[in-house]
């Protein structure tokens, strides 16, 4: 009697598993999303209120950048000394303090200082939280980071609407932005009650026995099974790894992050993805700062309506993030990233040629479909090429991205002063094309053999 051959077991689809830690870290993305999408569209209103030029108002973007650069320098030092949990709680306190300075400040110096303090806290929180998600979720990190940004932008969608409603009611922009401080305090309290284990373990506990790390096969993962990967270093001194047994996410899933980090050209690819991150942040912040001004000039819409219209951009960003997250587990994220930059240019073209508020809103929604995918995909690709050095790679991205945030809104504001907002907005598709090229080049240089096989130190 012969036995029928056993058919190979069908591989289960890779899924993102969310737990208490995941949802808690998402809270800081909500805080950041609310602030960006309520304050950035309010910058022209702030400029008019203070009687300053567009270039001077754009300096609030420079303050955001300085905060990001300071955070990039501080975060790699704070995490090894205080641990991820304490660092995140302290960042929440800084966000709340900066928000108070911003909304109560009577003059230009006060508002700039408030934005600087707030940006410092927010970027520390996002840097520590984002790298924490990557280390916690590993093989599904692209989905986790994309969903985190999607949650943030979904709540942030209410920000422009809140600013528009407050302006229409005669209250000004400040009450809507003040909500940022309340959200920051609530998130800090939630994070403060997380248990100190896994990515939240204190550095002093980093010497806990860890599961021995298996050797990493330099070949990319294939359909035959996952690539073996060591537990990430998690930013602890001496490279102490987190105990895999303490992490609910350390399961046998096809780890594409490990495959990317093991590619011979991973270091060169990381530079491409860093360029994509910079282009993403430059495009997004330039648009959110000045699109309301463009709509007012081109369509004659009142300031309140033009500001509220930027919610269309955030709506598009929110929707696409919940689509791209699961999609990135089936389609190479770099391909999705390159397409997202091209889609953003289509949306920009509709916005730039619009003479009716409804058409401008449509352009913003289409642009949002592109913008929404860009940051989570580019940062996930950058961190996945870093292997166990995710915190240092995130620090580099924060530093470079901060520079982009500082330069792009200021440059567009200065160009708008000189040539008008319509002509100045040509800067947006130029930056998007740079991002598309970088995303396209990333996987190709990763597969090319070379001397460097690891991401350079981001210190």
Protein backbone atom coordinates (compact mmCIF):
# COMPACT_ATOMS: atom_id res chain seq x y z
CA UNK A 1 0.00 0.00 0.00
CA UNK A 2 1.49 3.28 -1.09
CA UNK A 3 1.17 6.46 0.82
CA UNK A 4 0.05 9.54 -1.04
CA UNK A 5 2.70 12.22 -1.14
CA UNK A 6 2.16 14.97 1.32
CA UNK A 7 1.65 18.36 -0.29
CA UNK A 8 3.83 21.13 1.07
CA UNK A 9 2.16 23.30 3.67
CA UNK A 10 0.92 26.55 2.28
CA UNK A 11 2.78 29.49 3.75
CA UNK A 12 0.60 31.73 5.87
CA UNK A 13 0.37 35.35 4.70
CA UNK A 14 2.60 37.74 6.57
CA UNK A 15 0.52 39.95 8.86
CA UNK A 16 1.19 42.85 11.13
CA UNK A 17 0.50 41.89 14.74
CA UNK A 18 -0.35 44.89 16.92
CA UNK A 19 -0.05 44.88 20.70
CA UNK A 20 -0.15 47.38 23.55
CA UNK A 21 3.34 48.66 22.74
CA UNK A 22 2.42 49.18 19.09
CA UNK A 23 -0.66 51.25 19.86
CA UNK A 24 1.16 53.27 22.53
CA UNK A 25 3.94 54.23 20.11
CA UNK A 26 1.31 55.19 17.54
CA UNK A 27 0.26 57.91 20.00
CA UNK A 28 3.26 60.09 19.22
CA UNK A 29 2.47 59.88 15.51
CA UNK A 30 -0.97 61.23 16.38
CA UNK A 31 0.63 64.11 18.30
CA UNK A 32 3.01 64.93 15.45
CA UNK A 33 0.30 64.60 12.81
CA UNK A 34 -2.03 66.96 14.65
CA UNK A 35 0.69 69.57 15.08
CA UNK A 36 2.00 69.45 11.51
CA UNK A 37 -1.39 69.60 9.85
CA UNK A 38 -2.85 72.23 12.16
CA UNK A 39 0.17 74.52 12.48
CA UNK A 40 1.70 74.37 8.99
CA UNK A 41 -1.46 75.64 7.21
CA UNK A 42 -1.73 78.32 9.91
CA UNK A 43 1.73 79.77 9.13
CA UNK A 44 0.39 82.33 6.58
CA UNK A 45 -2.21 83.38 9.19
CA UNK A 46 0.52 83.71 11.81
CA UNK A 47 2.61 85.80 9.39
CA UNK A 48 -0.25 88.19 8.75
CA UNK A 49 -1.06 88.38 12.45
CA UNK A 50 2.53 89.31 13.33
CA UNK A 51 2.99 91.56 10.29
CA UNK A 52 6.02 89.68 8.92
CA UNK A 53 7.02 88.63 5.40
CA UNK A 54 6.46 85.17 3.94
CA UNK A 55 10.19 84.44 4.19
CA UNK A 56 10.12 85.36 7.89
CA UNK A 57 7.05 83.22 8.45
CA UNK A 58 8.89 80.41 6.68
CA UNK A 59 11.54 80.62 9.40
CA UNK A 60 9.13 78.63 11.56
CA UNK A 61 10.03 75.77 9.24
CA UNK A 62 13.67 76.52 9.99
CA UNK A 63 12.86 76.30 13.70
CA UNK A 64 11.31 72.89 13.03
CA UNK A 65 14.53 71.93 11.29
CA UNK A 66 16.77 73.12 14.12
CA UNK A 67 14.66 71.10 16.56
CA UNK A 68 15.01 68.05 14.34
CA UNK A 69 18.79 68.47 14.09
CA UNK A 70 19.10 68.83 17.86
CA UNK A 71 16.94 65.73 18.28
CA UNK A 72 19.17 63.82 15.87
CA UNK A 73 22.15 64.68 18.03
CA UNK A 74 20.39 64.03 21.33
CA UNK A 75 18.44 60.82 20.67
CA UNK A 76 21.43 58.45 20.24
CA UNK A 77 22.74 59.73 23.58
CA UNK A 78 19.43 59.67 25.43
CA UNK A 79 18.44 56.13 24.48
CA UNK A 80 21.55 54.35 25.83
CA UNK A 81 21.48 56.42 29.02
CA UNK A 82 17.79 56.54 29.94
CA UNK A 83 16.15 53.89 27.78
CA UNK A 84 13.37 54.22 25.24
CA UNK A 85 10.50 54.56 27.70
CA UNK A 86 11.97 57.42 29.75
CA UNK A 87 13.14 59.17 26.59
CA UNK A 88 9.64 59.05 25.11
CA UNK A 89 8.03 60.34 28.30
CA UNK A 90 10.49 63.25 28.50
CA UNK A 91 9.84 64.04 24.83
CA UNK A 92 6.12 64.32 25.57
CA UNK A 93 6.81 66.89 28.30
CA UNK A 94 8.94 68.95 25.88
CA UNK A 95 6.16 68.87 23.27
CA UNK A 96 3.65 70.19 25.79
CA UNK A 97 6.03 72.96 26.92
CA UNK A 98 6.76 74.03 23.34
CA UNK A 99 3.06 74.13 22.53
CA UNK A 100 2.39 76.45 25.47
CA UNK A 101 5.17 78.81 24.32
CA UNK A 102 3.83 78.81 20.76
CA UNK A 103 0.16 79.50 21.45
CA UNK A 104 0.71 82.03 24.26
CA UNK A 105 3.69 83.85 22.74
CA UNK A 106 2.96 87.51 21.95
CA UNK A 107 5.66 87.97 19.32
CA UNK A 108 7.86 86.46 16.61
CA UNK A 109 10.66 85.38 18.97
CA UNK A 110 8.17 83.58 21.22
CA UNK A 111 6.51 81.64 18.42
CA UNK A 112 9.89 80.65 16.95
CA UNK A 113 11.08 79.47 20.37
CA UNK A 114 7.90 77.50 20.93
CA UNK A 115 8.23 75.73 17.58
CA UNK A 116 11.90 74.94 18.31
CA UNK A 117 11.16 73.34 21.70
CA UNK A 118 8.15 71.51 20.34
CA UNK A 119 10.10 70.20 17.35
CA UNK A 120 12.91 68.98 19.60
CA UNK A 121 10.51 66.94 21.72
CA UNK A 122 8.49 65.67 18.77
CA UNK A 123 11.50 64.54 16.76
CA UNK A 124 12.99 62.73 19.75
CA UNK A 125 9.63 61.01 20.21
CA UNK A 126 9.26 60.05 16.55
CA UNK A 127 12.89 58.93 16.26
CA UNK A 128 12.72 56.73 19.36
CA UNK A 129 9.21 55.50 18.56
CA UNK A 130 9.80 54.78 14.89
CA UNK A 131 13.01 52.82 15.46
CA UNK A 132 11.21 51.04 18.29
CA UNK A 133 8.49 49.92 15.89
CA UNK A 134 11.07 48.63 13.41
CA UNK A 135 12.93 46.69 16.09
CA UNK A 136 9.71 45.40 17.61
CA UNK A 137 8.06 44.27 14.37
CA UNK A 138 11.12 43.36 12.31
CA UNK A 139 9.82 41.47 9.24
CA UNK A 140 6.62 43.57 9.10
CA UNK A 141 8.30 46.88 9.87
CA UNK A 142 7.25 48.57 6.60
CA UNK A 143 3.59 47.89 7.43
CA UNK A 144 4.00 49.02 11.05
CA UNK A 145 5.72 52.29 10.15
CA UNK A 146 3.25 53.01 7.34
CA UNK A 147 0.26 52.32 9.59
CA UNK A 148 1.72 54.47 12.38
CA UNK A 149 2.02 57.39 9.97
CA UNK A 150 -1.46 56.61 8.66
CA UNK A 151 -2.95 56.80 12.14
CA UNK A 152 -1.13 60.08 12.73
CA UNK A 153 -2.29 61.69 9.50
CA UNK A 154 -5.84 60.40 9.98
CA UNK A 155 -6.16 62.24 13.27
CA UNK A 156 -4.17 65.14 11.81
CA UNK A 157 -6.85 65.39 9.11
CA UNK A 158 -8.97 67.18 11.70
CA UNK A 159 -6.22 69.77 12.27
CA UNK A 160 -6.79 71.99 9.18
CA UNK A 161 -10.54 71.68 9.67
CA UNK A 162 -10.16 72.76 13.30
CA UNK A 163 -8.00 75.74 12.29
CA UNK A 164 -10.47 76.74 9.58
CA UNK A 165 -13.40 76.48 12.01
CA UNK A 166 -11.58 78.48 14.70
CA UNK A 167 -10.64 81.21 12.20
CA UNK A 168 -14.20 81.36 10.87
CA UNK A 169 -15.46 81.70 14.45
CA UNK A 170 -13.08 84.59 15.08
CA UNK A 171 -10.87 82.73 17.58
CA UNK A 172 -7.77 82.58 15.39
CA UNK A 173 -5.50 79.58 14.83
CA UNK A 174 -4.19 79.15 18.37
CA UNK A 175 -6.96 77.05 20.01
CA UNK A 176 -6.66 74.35 17.35
CA UNK A 177 -2.87 74.13 17.68
CA UNK A 178 -3.12 74.05 21.49
CA UNK A 179 -4.68 70.58 21.26
CA UNK A 180 -1.15 69.30 20.50
CA UNK A 181 -0.09 69.82 24.10
CA UNK A 182 -3.04 67.89 25.49
CA UNK A 183 -2.39 64.95 23.16
CA UNK A 184 1.31 64.95 24.11
CA UNK A 185 0.59 64.75 27.85
CA UNK A 186 -1.93 61.93 27.37
CA UNK A 187 0.51 59.93 25.23
CA UNK A 188 3.38 60.41 27.68
CA UNK A 189 1.20 59.02 30.49
CA UNK A 190 0.25 55.95 28.43
CA UNK A 191 3.86 55.25 27.42
CA UNK A 192 5.02 55.75 31.00
CA UNK A 193 2.95 52.76 32.10
CA UNK A 194 4.42 50.37 29.52
CA UNK A 195 6.42 47.49 31.05
CA UNK A 196 10.22 47.79 30.86
CA UNK A 197 10.97 44.88 28.58
CA UNK A 198 11.83 44.29 24.94
CA UNK A 199 12.48 47.59 23.16
CA UNK A 200 11.33 49.44 26.29
CA UNK A 201 13.93 47.80 28.55
CA UNK A 202 16.23 50.14 30.46
CA UNK A 203 19.86 50.06 29.27
CA UNK A 204 20.94 48.71 32.67
CA UNK A 205 18.82 45.65 31.95
CA UNK A 206 20.45 45.14 28.55
CA UNK A 207 22.74 42.51 29.99
CA UNK A 208 19.83 40.13 30.44
CA UNK A 209 20.48 36.79 28.75
CA UNK A 210 19.57 37.00 25.11
CA UNK A 211 18.86 34.19 22.72
CA UNK A 212 22.08 33.39 20.82
CA UNK A 213 21.96 35.03 17.40
CA UNK A 214 22.04 32.64 14.47
CA UNK A 215 24.32 33.39 11.58
CA UNK A 216 22.87 35.58 8.86
CA UNK A 217 22.90 34.12 5.37
CA UNK A 218 24.17 36.87 3.06
CA UNK A 219 21.74 35.75 0.37
CA UNK A 220 18.32 37.49 0.25
CA UNK A 221 15.31 35.65 1.63
CA UNK A 222 13.43 33.52 -0.84
CA UNK A 223 10.03 31.91 -1.00
CA UNK A 224 11.52 28.78 0.54
CA UNK A 225 11.58 30.36 3.96
CA UNK A 226 12.70 33.25 6.14
CA UNK A 227 16.27 34.40 6.40
CA UNK A 228 17.81 33.89 9.83
CA UNK A 229 18.44 37.19 11.56
CA UNK A 230 20.01 38.20 14.83
CA UNK A 231 18.03 40.16 17.38
CA UNK A 232 18.63 43.89 16.76
CA UNK A 233 20.97 45.77 19.05
CA UNK A 234 18.19 48.19 20.00
CA UNK A 235 20.54 51.04 20.69
CA UNK A 236 21.84 49.55 23.93
CA UNK A 237 25.45 50.10 24.94
CA UNK A 238 27.82 47.40 23.91
CA UNK A 239 25.33 46.06 21.37
CA UNK A 240 23.33 44.17 23.99
CA UNK A 241 20.39 42.57 22.25
CA UNK A 242 16.89 42.35 23.58
CA UNK A 243 15.79 38.91 24.74
CA UNK A 244 13.83 37.45 21.85
CA UNK A 245 11.65 35.48 24.26
CA UNK A 246 10.31 38.74 25.69
CA UNK A 247 9.15 40.05 22.33
CA UNK A 248 5.77 38.96 21.05
CA UNK A 249 6.72 40.10 17.57
CA UNK A 250 9.81 37.88 17.25
CA UNK A 251 8.06 35.19 15.28
CA UNK A 252 9.09 33.11 12.30
CA UNK A 253 8.03 35.45 9.49
CA UNK A 254 9.85 36.06 6.22
CA UNK A 255 12.19 38.86 7.30
CA UNK A 256 12.70 41.07 4.27
CA UNK A 257 14.41 43.64 6.49
CA UNK A 258 17.21 41.16 7.17
CA UNK A 259 17.43 40.33 3.47
CA UNK A 260 17.85 44.00 2.56
CA UNK A 261 20.46 44.59 5.25
CA UNK A 262 22.44 41.57 4.02
CA UNK A 263 22.60 42.69 0.38
CA UNK A 264 26.13 43.56 -0.79
CA UNK A 265 25.21 47.16 -1.64
CA UNK A 266 23.03 47.86 1.42
CA UNK A 267 25.23 50.81 2.46
CA UNK A 268 24.90 52.50 -0.93
CA UNK A 269 21.17 51.80 -1.04
CA UNK A 270 20.78 53.45 2.36
CA UNK A 271 22.09 56.71 0.86
CA UNK A 272 19.48 56.51 -1.89
CA UNK A 273 16.71 56.02 0.66
CA UNK A 274 18.09 58.89 2.73
CA UNK A 275 17.79 61.16 -0.32
CA UNK A 276 14.21 59.93 -0.73
CA UNK A 277 13.46 60.80 2.92
CA UNK A 278 14.87 64.31 2.43
CA UNK A 279 12.86 64.84 -0.78
CA UNK A 280 9.73 63.54 0.93
CA UNK A 281 9.95 65.91 3.89
CA UNK A 282 10.89 68.86 1.70
CA UNK A 283 7.92 68.32 -0.64
CA UNK A 284 5.41 67.67 2.13
CA UNK A 285 6.38 70.62 4.33
CA UNK A 286 6.68 73.09 1.46
CA UNK A 287 3.18 72.13 0.34
CA UNK A 288 1.53 72.19 3.76
CA UNK A 289 3.13 75.54 4.58
CA UNK A 290 2.15 77.40 1.42
CA UNK A 291 -0.64 75.58 -0.44
CA UNK A 292 -3.31 77.61 1.37
CA UNK A 293 -1.62 80.82 0.20
CA UNK A 294 -1.51 79.46 -3.37
CA UNK A 295 -5.21 78.57 -3.28
CA UNK A 296 -6.11 82.05 -2.00
CA UNK A 297 -4.11 83.76 -4.76
CA UNK A 298 -5.24 81.50 -7.60
CA UNK A 299 -8.92 80.99 -6.71
CA UNK A 300 -9.78 83.98 -4.51
CA UNK A 301 -11.00 81.70 -1.70
CA UNK A 302 -11.17 83.23 1.81
CA UNK A 303 -8.30 82.39 4.18
CA UNK A 304 -10.43 80.09 6.35
CA UNK A 305 -11.63 78.03 3.38
CA UNK A 306 -8.17 77.87 1.81
CA UNK A 307 -6.66 76.68 5.08
CA UNK A 308 -9.37 74.07 5.58
CA UNK A 309 -8.82 72.87 1.99
CA UNK A 310 -5.41 71.54 2.98
CA UNK A 311 -7.36 68.83 4.81
CA UNK A 312 -7.76 67.32 1.33
CA UNK A 313 -4.01 66.69 1.25
CA UNK A 314 -4.09 65.05 4.67
CA UNK A 315 -7.16 63.00 3.72
CA UNK A 316 -5.37 61.59 0.69
CA UNK A 317 -2.30 60.86 2.80
CA UNK A 318 -4.35 59.05 5.44
CA UNK A 319 -6.29 56.87 3.00
CA UNK A 320 -3.26 55.74 1.03
CA UNK A 321 -1.26 54.83 4.12
CA UNK A 322 -3.78 52.20 5.15
CA UNK A 323 -3.62 50.81 1.60
CA UNK A 324 0.14 50.96 1.13
CA UNK A 325 0.95 49.34 4.49
CA UNK A 326 -0.47 45.88 3.62
CA UNK A 327 0.50 46.36 -0.05
CA UNK A 328 4.16 46.82 0.92
CA UNK A 329 4.18 43.24 2.23
CA UNK A 330 3.35 41.97 -1.29
CA UNK A 331 5.02 44.49 -3.62
CA UNK A 332 8.60 45.74 -3.27
CA UNK A 333 8.33 48.96 -1.20
CA UNK A 334 10.92 50.76 -3.37
CA UNK A 335 8.67 50.32 -6.41
CA UNK A 336 5.70 51.73 -4.51
CA UNK A 337 7.88 54.63 -3.33
CA UNK A 338 8.98 55.61 -6.85
CA UNK A 339 5.36 55.50 -8.08
CA UNK A 340 4.22 57.63 -5.15
CA UNK A 341 6.57 60.47 -6.13
CA UNK A 342 5.23 60.40 -9.69
CA UNK A 343 1.62 60.43 -8.42
CA UNK A 344 2.46 63.43 -6.24
CA UNK A 345 3.58 65.32 -9.35
CA UNK A 346 0.22 64.62 -11.00
CA UNK A 347 -1.59 66.05 -7.97
CA UNK A 348 0.70 69.07 -7.95
CA UNK A 349 -0.12 69.75 -11.63
CA UNK A 350 -3.86 69.76 -10.88
CA UNK A 351 -3.36 72.08 -7.89
CA UNK A 352 -0.97 74.39 -9.74
CA UNK A 353 -3.31 74.95 -12.69
CA UNK A 354 -6.53 75.21 -10.62
CA UNK A 355 -8.56 78.42 -10.67
CA UNK A 356 -11.48 76.98 -8.69
CA UNK A 357 -11.31 75.90 -5.02
CA UNK A 358 -12.95 72.53 -5.78
CA UNK A 359 -10.34 71.71 -8.45
CA UNK A 360 -7.55 72.80 -6.10
CA UNK A 361 -8.99 70.50 -3.43
CA UNK A 362 -8.99 67.64 -5.93
CA UNK A 363 -5.34 68.30 -6.71
CA UNK A 364 -4.47 68.25 -3.03
CA UNK A 365 -6.23 64.90 -2.54
CA UNK A 366 -4.35 63.35 -5.49
CA UNK A 367 -1.07 64.80 -4.22
CA UNK A 368 -1.92 63.36 -0.81
CA UNK A 369 -2.17 59.87 -2.31
CA UNK A 370 1.47 60.29 -3.33
CA UNK A 371 2.72 62.15 -0.26
CA UNK A 372 1.14 59.70 2.17
CA UNK A 373 3.15 56.75 0.91
CA UNK A 374 6.47 58.55 0.60
CA UNK A 375 7.67 59.07 4.16
CA UNK A 376 6.72 55.73 5.74
CA UNK A 377 8.08 53.75 2.78
CA UNK A 378 11.33 55.71 2.49
CA UNK A 379 12.06 55.61 6.22
CA UNK A 380 11.15 51.91 6.47
CA UNK A 381 13.51 51.13 3.57
CA UNK A 382 16.28 53.20 5.15
CA UNK A 383 15.91 51.50 8.53
CA UNK A 384 15.61 48.03 7.01
CA UNK A 385 19.01 48.42 5.34
CA UNK A 386 20.50 49.30 8.72
CA UNK A 387 20.08 45.88 10.32
CA UNK A 388 20.65 46.27 14.07
CA UNK A 389 21.73 49.94 13.75
CA UNK A 390 18.18 51.23 13.28
CA UNK A 391 18.47 53.93 15.95
CA UNK A 392 21.60 55.40 14.33
CA UNK A 393 20.03 55.28 10.85
CA UNK A 394 16.92 57.00 12.24
CA UNK A 395 19.16 59.68 13.76
CA UNK A 396 20.77 60.31 10.39
CA UNK A 397 17.34 60.58 8.75
CA UNK A 398 16.16 63.01 11.43
CA UNK A 399 19.25 65.17 10.92
CA UNK A 400 18.99 65.27 7.12
CA UNK A 401 15.21 65.56 7.17
CA UNK A 402 15.45 68.45 9.60
CA UNK A 403 17.66 70.30 7.17
CA UNK A 404 15.09 69.70 4.42
CA UNK A 405 12.26 70.98 6.60
CA UNK A 406 14.29 74.08 7.38
CA UNK A 407 15.31 74.89 3.84
CA UNK A 408 12.26 73.97 1.73
CA UNK A 409 9.50 76.11 3.35
CA UNK A 410 11.88 79.06 3.74
CA UNK A 411 13.08 78.75 0.13
CA UNK A 412 9.55 78.51 -1.20
CA UNK A 413 8.47 81.47 0.95
CA UNK A 414 11.40 83.57 -0.27
CA UNK A 415 10.62 82.64 -3.89
CA UNK A 416 6.97 83.53 -3.28
CA UNK A 417 8.01 86.97 -1.99
CA UNK A 418 10.10 87.51 -5.12
CA UNK A 419 8.02 85.86 -7.86
CA UNK A 420 4.65 84.98 -6.35
CA UNK A 421 3.38 81.74 -4.83
CA UNK A 422 2.37 80.28 -8.22
CA UNK A 423 5.86 80.47 -9.71
CA UNK A 424 7.50 79.41 -6.45
CA UNK A 425 5.52 76.16 -6.39
CA UNK A 426 7.54 74.85 -9.35
CA UNK A 427 10.07 73.87 -6.69
CA UNK A 428 7.76 71.04 -5.53
CA UNK A 429 7.87 68.77 -8.63
CA UNK A 430 11.63 69.30 -8.94
CA UNK A 431 12.12 67.88 -5.44
CA UNK A 432 9.66 65.06 -6.18
CA UNK A 433 11.63 64.02 -9.27
CA UNK A 434 14.79 63.80 -7.17
CA UNK A 435 12.95 61.52 -4.74
CA UNK A 436 11.60 59.32 -7.53
CA UNK A 437 15.07 58.83 -8.99
CA UNK A 438 16.51 57.93 -5.57
CA UNK A 439 13.73 55.38 -4.93
CA UNK A 440 14.27 53.85 -8.36
CA UNK A 441 18.03 53.59 -7.81
CA UNK A 442 17.91 52.09 -4.30
CA UNK A 443 17.24 48.41 -5.09
CA UNK A 444 19.57 48.48 -8.08
CA UNK A 445 22.61 49.70 -6.16
CA UNK A 446 21.72 47.30 -3.33
CA UNK A 447 22.09 44.31 -5.66
CA UNK A 448 25.40 45.54 -7.08
CA UNK A 449 28.45 43.97 -5.38
CA UNK A 450 30.81 46.37 -3.66
CA UNK A 451 33.29 46.73 -0.87
CA UNK A 452 30.81 48.13 1.67
CA UNK A 453 28.30 45.69 3.07
CA UNK A 454 26.94 47.58 6.03
CA UNK A 455 25.32 50.93 6.63
CA UNK A 456 27.91 53.53 7.58
CA UNK A 457 27.96 54.75 11.14
CA UNK A 458 25.43 57.58 11.44
CA UNK A 459 27.13 59.24 14.35
